[in-house]
Amino acid sequence: MAALARLILAAGIGACAVAVVATVRIWDQGQRDERRPADAIVVMGAAQYDGRPSPVFAARIDHAIDLFHDGIAPRLIVTGGKADGDRTT
């Protein structure tokens, strides 16, 4: 029984350690500014509702505009498509 308890404890500590390392690495990456000049800024498509961008799409567009204004690239390219029933793309 004691061996099983130690095994469960070790697995729990290991899982916590993995979660902490992943959290630290994600936070560290988020703090880096890796902008560099480019030929174009590509905004990947996301949902839109009758011509109004979803919050995710709006955030992507806003970020691309900020990069454009900072002189990172001279062009913006917005991707996406039109599904059945959409009036706009």
PDB file of N, CA and C in Angstrom:
ATOM      1  N   MET A   1       0.816  -1.190   0.000  1.00  0.00           N
ATOM      2  CA  MET A   1       0.000   0.000   0.000  1.00  0.00           C
ATOM      3  C   MET A   1       0.863   1.259   0.000  1.00  0.00           C
ATOM      4  N   ALA A   2       1.913   1.264   0.792  1.00  0.00           N
ATOM      5  CA  ALA A   2       2.777   2.441   0.872  1.00  0.00           C
ATOM      6  C   ALA A   2       3.436   2.715  -0.474  1.00  0.00           C
ATOM      7  N   ALA A   3       3.794   1.656  -1.184  1.00  0.00           N
ATOM      8  CA  ALA A   3       4.425   1.846  -2.494  1.00  0.00           C
ATOM      9  C   ALA A   3       3.440   2.482  -3.474  1.00  0.00           C
ATOM     10  N   LEU A   4       2.183   2.074  -3.421  1.00  0.00           N
ATOM     11  CA  LEU A   4       1.167   2.642  -4.299  1.00  0.00           C
ATOM     12  C   LEU A   4       0.956   4.122  -3.969  1.00  0.00           C
ATOM     13  N   ALA A   5       0.920   4.451  -2.702  1.00  0.00           N
ATOM     14  CA  ALA A   5       0.751   5.847  -2.291  1.00  0.00           C
ATOM     15  C   ALA A   5       1.921   6.696  -2.775  1.00  0.00           C
ATOM     16  N   ARG A   6       3.145   6.159  -2.661  1.00  0.00           N
ATOM     17  CA  ARG A   6       4.322   6.899  -3.142  1.00  0.00           C
ATOM     18  C   ARG A   6       4.273   7.081  -4.660  1.00  0.00           C
ATOM     19  N   LEU A   7       3.801   6.054  -5.353  1.00  0.00           N
ATOM     20  CA  LEU A   7       3.692   6.147  -6.810  1.00  0.00           C
ATOM     21  C   LEU A   7       2.676   7.217  -7.207  1.00  0.00           C
ATOM     22  N   ILE A   8       1.556   7.231  -6.542  1.00  0.00           N
ATOM     23  CA  ILE A   8       0.526   8.240  -6.826  1.00  0.00           C
ATOM     24  C   ILE A   8       1.046   9.634  -6.495  1.00  0.00           C
ATOM     25  N   LEU A   9       1.742   9.783  -5.393  1.00  0.00           N
ATOM     26  CA  LEU A   9       2.326  11.066  -5.007  1.00  0.00           C
ATOM     27  C   LEU A   9       3.353  11.522  -6.043  1.00  0.00           C
ATOM     28  N   ALA A  10       4.207  10.617  -6.479  1.00  0.00           N
ATOM     29  CA  ALA A  10       5.224  10.953  -7.479  1.00  0.00           C
ATOM     30  C   ALA A  10       4.560  11.364  -8.795  1.00  0.00           C
ATOM     31  N   ALA A  11       3.503  10.670  -9.203  1.00  0.00           N
ATOM     32  CA  ALA A  11       2.792  11.027 -10.430  1.00  0.00           C
ATOM     33  C   ALA A  11       2.161  12.408 -10.301  1.00  0.00           C
ATOM     34  N   GLY A  12       1.601  12.706  -9.147  1.00  0.00           N
ATOM     35  CA  GLY A  12       1.008  14.029  -8.912  1.00  0.00           C
ATOM     36  C   GLY A  12       2.046  15.134  -8.958  1.00  0.00           C
ATOM     37  N   ILE A  13       3.187  14.900  -8.328  1.00  0.00           N
ATOM     38  CA  ILE A  13       4.270  15.890  -8.358  1.00  0.00           C
ATOM     39  C   ILE A  13       4.780  16.073  -9.784  1.00  0.00           C
ATOM     40  N   GLY A  14       4.912  14.977 -10.514  1.00  0.00           N
ATOM     41  CA  GLY A  14       5.352  15.065 -11.908  1.00  0.00           C
ATOM     42  C   GLY A  14       4.380  15.857 -12.767  1.00  0.00           C
ATOM     43  N   ALA A  15       3.092  15.615 -12.589  1.00  0.00           N
ATOM     44  CA  ALA A  15       2.083  16.340 -13.361  1.00  0.00           C
ATOM     45  C   ALA A  15       2.113  17.826 -13.035  1.00  0.00           C
ATOM     46  N   CYS A  16       2.285  18.155 -11.766  1.00  0.00           N
ATOM     47  CA  CYS A  16       2.391  19.567 -11.373  1.00  0.00           C
ATOM     48  C   CYS A  16       3.640  20.201 -11.971  1.00  0.00           C
ATOM     49  N   ALA A  17       4.749  19.473 -11.965  1.00  0.00           N
ATOM     50  CA  ALA A  17       5.993  20.005 -12.533  1.00  0.00           C
ATOM     51  C   ALA A  17       5.831  20.281 -14.023  1.00  0.00           C
ATOM     52  N   VAL A  18       5.195  19.375 -14.740  1.00  0.00           N
ATOM     53  CA  VAL A  18       4.960  19.581 -16.176  1.00  0.00           C
ATOM     54  C   VAL A  18       4.089  20.812 -16.394  1.00  0.00           C
ATOM     55  N   ALA A  19       3.044  20.981 -15.601  1.00  0.00           N
ATOM     56  CA  ALA A  19       2.163  22.142 -15.731  1.00  0.00           C
ATOM     57  C   ALA A  19       2.912  23.440 -15.461  1.00  0.00           C
ATOM     58  N   VAL A  20       3.770  23.449 -14.442  1.00  0.00           N
ATOM     59  CA  VAL A  20       4.543  24.654 -14.119  1.00  0.00           C
ATOM     60  C   VAL A  20       5.510  24.991 -15.249  1.00  0.00           C
ATOM     61  N   VAL A  21       6.228  24.000 -15.751  1.00  0.00           N
ATOM     62  CA  VAL A  21       7.181  24.244 -16.845  1.00  0.00           C
ATOM     63  C   VAL A  21       6.450  24.761 -18.082  1.00  0.00           C
ATOM     64  N   ALA A  22       5.321  24.169 -18.434  1.00  0.00           N
ATOM     65  CA  ALA A  22       4.556  24.624 -19.598  1.00  0.00           C
ATOM     66  C   ALA A  22       4.078  26.061 -19.410  1.00  0.00           C
ATOM     67  N   THR A  23       3.597  26.380 -18.221  1.00  0.00           N
ATOM     68  CA  THR A  23       3.124  27.735 -17.932  1.00  0.00           C
ATOM     69  C   THR A  23       4.250  28.748 -18.059  1.00  0.00           C
ATOM     70  N   VAL A  24       5.397  28.445 -17.501  1.00  0.00           N
ATOM     71  CA  VAL A  24       6.544  29.358 -17.564  1.00  0.00           C
ATOM     72  C   VAL A  24       6.998  29.554 -19.004  1.00  0.00           C
ATOM     73  N   ARG A  25       7.049  28.493 -19.784  1.00  0.00           N
ATOM     74  CA  ARG A  25       7.481  28.612 -21.181  1.00  0.00           C
ATOM     75  C   ARG A  25       6.492  29.432 -22.000  1.00  0.00           C
ATOM     76  N   ILE A  26       5.201  29.242 -21.779  1.00  0.00           N
ATOM     77  CA  ILE A  26       4.188  30.024 -22.493  1.00  0.00           C
ATOM     78  C   ILE A  26       4.296  31.493 -22.107  1.00  0.00           C
ATOM     79  N   TRP A  27       4.423  31.776 -20.834  1.00  0.00           N
ATOM     80  CA  TRP A  27       4.553  33.162 -20.370  1.00  0.00           C
ATOM     81  C   TRP A  27       5.800  33.800 -20.960  1.00  0.00           C
ATOM     82  N   ASP A  28       6.929  33.084 -20.934  1.00  0.00           N
ATOM     83  CA  ASP A  28       8.182  33.610 -21.456  1.00  0.00           C
ATOM     84  C   ASP A  28       8.058  33.933 -22.947  1.00  0.00           C
ATOM     85  N   GLN A  29       7.453  33.056 -23.712  1.00  0.00           N
ATOM     86  CA  GLN A  29       7.283  33.301 -25.146  1.00  0.00           C
ATOM     87  C   GLN A  29       6.400  34.518 -25.388  1.00  0.00           C
ATOM     88  N   GLY A  30       5.389  34.686 -24.566  1.00  0.00           N
ATOM     89  CA  GLY A  30       4.485  35.821 -24.705  1.00  0.00           C
ATOM     90  C   GLY A  30       5.151  37.156 -24.427  1.00  0.00           C
ATOM     91  N   GLN A  31       6.251  37.165 -23.717  1.00  0.00           N
ATOM     92  CA  GLN A  31       6.961  38.396 -23.389  1.00  0.00           C
ATOM     93  C   GLN A  31       7.938  38.822 -24.481  1.00  0.00           C
ATOM     94  N   ARG A  32       8.175  37.988 -25.456  1.00  0.00           N
ATOM     95  CA  ARG A  32       9.167  38.282 -26.497  1.00  0.00           C
ATOM     96  C   ARG A  32       8.549  39.085 -27.636  1.00  0.00           C
ATOM     97  N   ASP A  33       9.311  40.052 -28.105  1.00  0.00           N
ATOM     98  CA  ASP A  33       8.908  40.822 -29.284  1.00  0.00           C
ATOM     99  C   ASP A  33       9.771  40.332 -30.436  1.00  0.00           C
ATOM    100  N   GLU A  34       9.193  39.517 -31.294  1.00  0.00           N
ATOM    101  CA  GLU A  34       9.954  38.903 -32.381  1.00  0.00           C
ATOM    102  C   GLU A  34       9.593  39.510 -33.737  1.00  0.00           C
ATOM    103  N   ARG A  35       9.131  40.769 -33.711  1.00  0.00           N
ATOM    104  CA  ARG A  35       8.793  41.420 -34.969  1.00  0.00           C
ATOM    105  C   ARG A  35      10.051  41.672 -35.786  1.00  0.00           C
ATOM    106  N   ARG A  36       9.938  41.496 -37.096  1.00  0.00           N
ATOM    107  CA  ARG A  36      11.020  41.823 -38.016  1.00  0.00           C
ATOM    108  C   ARG A  36      10.401  42.210 -39.344  1.00  0.00           C
ATOM    109  N   PRO A  37      11.102  42.997 -40.132  1.00  0.00           N
ATOM    110  CA  PRO A  37      10.527  43.425 -41.413  1.00  0.00           C
ATOM    111  C   PRO A  37      10.092  42.246 -42.276  1.00  0.00           C
ATOM    112  N   ALA A  38       8.996  42.456 -43.002  1.00  0.00           N
ATOM    113  CA  ALA A  38       8.454  41.415 -43.875  1.00  0.00           C
ATOM    114  C   ALA A  38       7.897  42.072 -45.135  1.00  0.00           C
ATOM    115  N   ASP A  39       7.617  41.255 -46.140  1.00  0.00           N
ATOM    116  CA  ASP A  39       7.026  41.764 -47.375  1.00  0.00           C
ATOM    117  C   ASP A  39       5.536  42.026 -47.216  1.00  0.00           C
ATOM    118  N   ALA A  40       4.896  41.277 -46.358  1.00  0.00           N
ATOM    119  CA  ALA A  40       3.452  41.439 -46.156  1.00  0.00           C
ATOM    120  C   ALA A  40       3.056  40.873 -44.801  1.00  0.00           C
ATOM    121  N   ILE A  41       1.935  41.350 -44.300  1.00  0.00           N
ATOM    122  CA  ILE A  41       1.329  40.841 -43.073  1.00  0.00           C
ATOM    123  C   ILE A  41       0.082  40.079 -43.500  1.00  0.00           C
ATOM    124  N   VAL A  42       0.000  38.800 -43.161  1.00  0.00           N
ATOM    125  CA  VAL A  42      -1.140  37.975 -43.543  1.00  0.00           C
ATOM    126  C   VAL A  42      -2.037  37.780 -42.319  1.00  0.00           C
ATOM    127  N   VAL A  43      -3.297  38.157 -42.472  1.00  0.00           N
ATOM    128  CA  VAL A  43      -4.284  37.992 -41.404  1.00  0.00           C
ATOM    129  C   VAL A  43      -5.114  36.766 -41.755  1.00  0.00           C
ATOM    130  N   MET A  44      -5.004  35.723 -40.951  1.00  0.00           N
ATOM    131  CA  MET A  44      -5.762  34.503 -41.193  1.00  0.00           C
ATOM    132  C   MET A  44      -7.237  34.737 -40.863  1.00  0.00           C
ATOM    133  N   GLY A  45      -8.101  34.227 -41.703  1.00  0.00           N
ATOM    134  CA  GLY A  45      -9.531  34.436 -41.541  1.00  0.00           C
ATOM    135  C   GLY A  45     -10.097  33.776 -40.299  1.00  0.00           C
ATOM    136  N   ALA A  46     -11.225  34.281 -39.870  1.00  0.00           N
ATOM    137  CA  ALA A  46     -11.964  33.725 -38.739  1.00  0.00           C
ATOM    138  C   ALA A  46     -13.426  34.122 -38.948  1.00  0.00           C
ATOM    139  N   ALA A  47     -14.257  33.793 -38.009  1.00  0.00           N
ATOM    140  CA  ALA A  47     -15.687  34.039 -38.161  1.00  0.00           C
ATOM    141  C   ALA A  47     -15.999  35.524 -38.299  1.00  0.00           C
ATOM    142  N   GLN A  48     -17.041  35.781 -39.086  1.00  0.00           N
ATOM    143  CA  GLN A  48     -17.609  37.123 -39.180  1.00  0.00           C
ATOM    144  C   GLN A  48     -19.124  36.948 -39.185  1.00  0.00           C
ATOM    145  N   TYR A  49     -19.779  37.954 -38.677  1.00  0.00           N
ATOM    146  CA  TYR A  49     -21.231  37.870 -38.547  1.00  0.00           C
ATOM    147  C   TYR A  49     -21.857  39.008 -39.337  1.00  0.00           C
ATOM    148  N   ASP A  50     -22.330  38.685 -40.529  1.00  0.00           N
ATOM    149  CA  ASP A  50     -22.968  39.664 -41.411  1.00  0.00           C
ATOM    150  C   ASP A  50     -22.067  40.883 -41.621  1.00  0.00           C
ATOM    151  N   GLY A  51     -20.790  40.614 -41.855  1.00  0.00           N
ATOM    152  CA  GLY A  51     -19.837  41.679 -42.136  1.00  0.00           C
ATOM    153  C   GLY A  51     -19.120  42.221 -40.913  1.00  0.00           C
ATOM    154  N   ARG A  52     -19.502  41.788 -39.735  1.00  0.00           N
ATOM    155  CA  ARG A  52     -18.836  42.249 -38.506  1.00  0.00           C
ATOM    156  C   ARG A  52     -17.908  41.134 -38.023  1.00  0.00           C
ATOM    157  N   PRO A  53     -16.619  41.450 -37.827  1.00  0.00           N
ATOM    158  CA  PRO A  53     -15.684  40.396 -37.420  1.00  0.00           C
ATOM    159  C   PRO A  53     -15.962  39.899 -36.005  1.00  0.00           C
ATOM    160  N   SER A  54     -15.722  38.611 -35.802  1.00  0.00           N
ATOM    161  CA  SER A  54     -15.826  38.042 -34.460  1.00  0.00           C
ATOM    162  C   SER A  54     -14.732  38.670 -33.600  1.00  0.00           C
ATOM    163  N   PRO A  55     -14.807  38.531 -32.282  1.00  0.00           N
ATOM    164  CA  PRO A  55     -13.762  39.082 -31.428  1.00  0.00           C
ATOM    165  C   PRO A  55     -12.359  38.565 -31.778  1.00  0.00           C
ATOM    166  N   VAL A  56     -12.256  37.299 -32.134  1.00  0.00           N
ATOM    167  CA  VAL A  56     -10.954  36.735 -32.512  1.00  0.00           C
ATOM    168  C   VAL A  56     -10.452  37.390 -33.793  1.00  0.00           C
ATOM    169  N   PHE A  57     -11.321  37.509 -34.786  1.00  0.00           N
ATOM    170  CA  PHE A  57     -10.933  38.111 -36.056  1.00  0.00           C
ATOM    171  C   PHE A  57     -10.597  39.590 -35.868  1.00  0.00           C
ATOM    172  N   ALA A  58     -11.385  40.284 -35.065  1.00  0.00           N
ATOM    173  CA  ALA A  58     -11.118  41.701 -34.799  1.00  0.00           C
ATOM    174  C   ALA A  58      -9.754  41.883 -34.147  1.00  0.00           C
ATOM    175  N   ALA A  59      -9.402  40.996 -33.211  1.00  0.00           N
ATOM    176  CA  ALA A  59      -8.092  41.093 -32.556  1.00  0.00           C
ATOM    177  C   ALA A  59      -6.971  40.864 -33.556  1.00  0.00           C
ATOM    178  N   ARG A  60      -7.154  39.908 -34.478  1.00  0.00           N
ATOM    179  CA  ARG A  60      -6.148  39.655 -35.513  1.00  0.00           C
ATOM    180  C   ARG A  60      -5.988  40.873 -36.416  1.00  0.00           C
ATOM    181  N   ILE A  61      -7.100  41.461 -36.816  1.00  0.00           N
ATOM    182  CA  ILE A  61      -7.058  42.634 -37.688  1.00  0.00           C
ATOM    183  C   ILE A  61      -6.392  43.801 -36.969  1.00  0.00           C
ATOM    184  N   ASP A  62      -6.771  44.047 -35.718  1.00  0.00           N
ATOM    185  CA  ASP A  62      -6.173  45.145 -34.949  1.00  0.00           C
ATOM    186  C   ASP A  62      -4.664  44.967 -34.810  1.00  0.00           C
ATOM    187  N   HIS A  63      -4.228  43.752 -34.539  1.00  0.00           N
ATOM    188  CA  HIS A  63      -2.794  43.483 -34.397  1.00  0.00           C
ATOM    189  C   HIS A  63      -2.076  43.721 -35.727  1.00  0.00           C
ATOM    190  N   ALA A  64      -2.680  43.275 -36.822  1.00  0.00           N
ATOM    191  CA  ALA A  64      -2.080  43.482 -38.140  1.00  0.00           C
ATOM    192  C   ALA A  64      -1.971  44.971 -38.460  1.00  0.00           C
ATOM    193  N   ILE A  65      -2.993  45.736 -38.126  1.00  0.00           N
ATOM    194  CA  ILE A  65      -2.960  47.181 -38.374  1.00  0.00           C
ATOM    195  C   ILE A  65      -1.854  47.833 -37.555  1.00  0.00           C
ATOM    196  N   ASP A  66      -1.705  47.416 -36.292  1.00  0.00           N
ATOM    197  CA  ASP A  66      -0.615  47.955 -35.463  1.00  0.00           C
ATOM    198  C   ASP A  66       0.743  47.652 -36.084  1.00  0.00           C
ATOM    199  N   LEU A  67       0.935  46.410 -36.548  1.00  0.00           N
ATOM    200  CA  LEU A  67       2.192  46.048 -37.195  1.00  0.00           C
ATOM    201  C   LEU A  67       2.414  46.878 -38.464  1.00  0.00           C
ATOM    202  N   PHE A  68       1.351  47.071 -39.243  1.00  0.00           N
ATOM    203  CA  PHE A  68       1.435  47.869 -40.461  1.00  0.00           C
ATOM    204  C   PHE A  68       1.849  49.303 -40.130  1.00  0.00           C
ATOM    205  N   HIS A  69       1.218  49.899 -39.127  1.00  0.00           N
ATOM    206  CA  HIS A  69       1.541  51.276 -38.735  1.00  0.00           C
ATOM    207  C   HIS A  69       2.951  51.389 -38.163  1.00  0.00           C
ATOM    208  N   ASP A  70       3.456  50.309 -37.587  1.00  0.00           N
ATOM    209  CA  ASP A  70       4.825  50.307 -37.066  1.00  0.00           C
ATOM    210  C   ASP A  70       5.855  50.100 -38.181  1.00  0.00           C
ATOM    211  N   GLY A  71       5.398  49.942 -39.412  1.00  0.00           N
ATOM    212  CA  GLY A  71       6.300  49.811 -40.545  1.00  0.00           C
ATOM    213  C   GLY A  71       6.896  48.426 -40.736  1.00  0.00           C
ATOM    214  N   ILE A  72       6.269  47.411 -40.172  1.00  0.00           N
ATOM    215  CA  ILE A  72       6.796  46.048 -40.297  1.00  0.00           C
ATOM    216  C   ILE A  72       6.698  45.557 -41.735  1.00  0.00           C
ATOM    217  N   ALA A  73       5.610  45.908 -42.432  1.00  0.00           N
ATOM    218  CA  ALA A  73       5.422  45.476 -43.825  1.00  0.00           C
ATOM    219  C   ALA A  73       4.571  46.508 -44.556  1.00  0.00           C
ATOM    220  N   PRO A  74       4.755  46.614 -45.877  1.00  0.00           N
ATOM    221  CA  PRO A  74       3.994  47.599 -46.647  1.00  0.00           C
ATOM    222  C   PRO A  74       2.609  47.119 -47.101  1.00  0.00           C
ATOM    223  N   ARG A  75       2.277  45.856 -46.883  1.00  0.00           N
ATOM    224  CA  ARG A  75       1.007  45.304 -47.363  1.00  0.00           C
ATOM    225  C   ARG A  75       0.310  44.480 -46.285  1.00  0.00           C
ATOM    226  N   LEU A  76      -1.022  44.510 -46.326  1.00  0.00           N
ATOM    227  CA  LEU A  76      -1.861  43.641 -45.493  1.00  0.00           C
ATOM    228  C   LEU A  76      -2.619  42.705 -46.421  1.00  0.00           C
ATOM    229  N   ILE A  77      -2.610  41.429 -46.118  1.00  0.00           N
ATOM    230  CA  ILE A  77      -3.361  40.442 -46.882  1.00  0.00           C
ATOM    231  C   ILE A  77      -4.303  39.746 -45.905  1.00  0.00           C
ATOM    232  N   VAL A  78      -5.602  39.798 -46.206  1.00  0.00           N
ATOM    233  CA  VAL A  78      -6.602  39.175 -45.344  1.00  0.00           C
ATOM    234  C   VAL A  78      -7.147  37.949 -46.061  1.00  0.00           C
ATOM    235  N   THR A  79      -7.097  36.794 -45.398  1.00  0.00           N
ATOM    236  CA  THR A  79      -7.571  35.556 -45.998  1.00  0.00           C
ATOM    237  C   THR A  79      -8.941  35.198 -45.450  1.00  0.00           C
ATOM    238  N   GLY A  80      -9.574  34.261 -46.084  1.00  0.00           N
ATOM    239  CA  GLY A  80     -10.868  33.801 -45.617  1.00  0.00           C
ATOM    240  C   GLY A  80     -11.684  33.318 -46.794  1.00  0.00           C
ATOM    241  N   GLY A  81     -12.924  33.064 -46.548  1.00  0.00           N
ATOM    242  CA  GLY A  81     -13.784  32.572 -47.610  1.00  0.00           C
ATOM    243  C   GLY A  81     -15.220  32.952 -47.340  1.00  0.00           C
ATOM    244  N   LYS A  82     -16.069  32.557 -48.242  1.00  0.00           N
ATOM    245  CA  LYS A  82     -17.492  32.857 -48.126  1.00  0.00           C
ATOM    246  C   LYS A  82     -18.253  31.543 -48.055  1.00  0.00           C
ATOM    247  N   ALA A  83     -18.987  31.374 -46.979  1.00  0.00           N
ATOM    248  CA  ALA A  83     -19.797  30.177 -46.805  1.00  0.00           C
ATOM    249  C   ALA A  83     -21.202  30.434 -47.349  1.00  0.00           C
ATOM    250  N   ASP A  84     -21.954  29.385 -47.581  1.00  0.00           N
ATOM    251  CA  ASP A  84     -23.331  29.525 -48.036  1.00  0.00           C
ATOM    252  C   ASP A  84     -24.104  30.391 -47.056  1.00  0.00           C
ATOM    253  N   GLY A  85     -24.816  31.367 -47.581  1.00  0.00           N
ATOM    254  CA  GLY A  85     -25.619  32.249 -46.745  1.00  0.00           C
ATOM    255  C   GLY A  85     -24.912  33.521 -46.327  1.00  0.00           C
ATOM    256  N   ASP A  86     -23.593  33.600 -46.482  1.00  0.00           N
ATOM    257  CA  ASP A  86     -22.867  34.828 -46.138  1.00  0.00           C
ATOM    258  C   ASP A  86     -23.164  35.909 -47.176  1.00  0.00           C
ATOM    259  N   ARG A  87     -23.385  37.122 -46.717  1.00  0.00           N
ATOM    260  CA  ARG A  87     -23.574  38.242 -47.630  1.00  0.00           C
ATOM    261  C   ARG A  87     -22.256  38.960 -47.880  1.00  0.00           C
ATOM    262  N   THR A  88     -21.287  38.785 -46.981  1.00  0.00           N
ATOM    263  CA  THR A  88     -19.990  39.438 -47.121  1.00  0.00           C
ATOM    264  C   THR A  88     -18.890  38.430 -46.844  1.00  0.00           C
ATOM    265  N   THR A  89     -17.682  38.819 -47.175  1.00  0.00           N
ATOM    266  CA  THR A  89     -16.524  37.986 -46.861  1.00  0.00           C
ATOM    267  C   THR A  89     -15.537  38.797 -46.060  1.00  0.00           C
TER     268      THR A  89
END
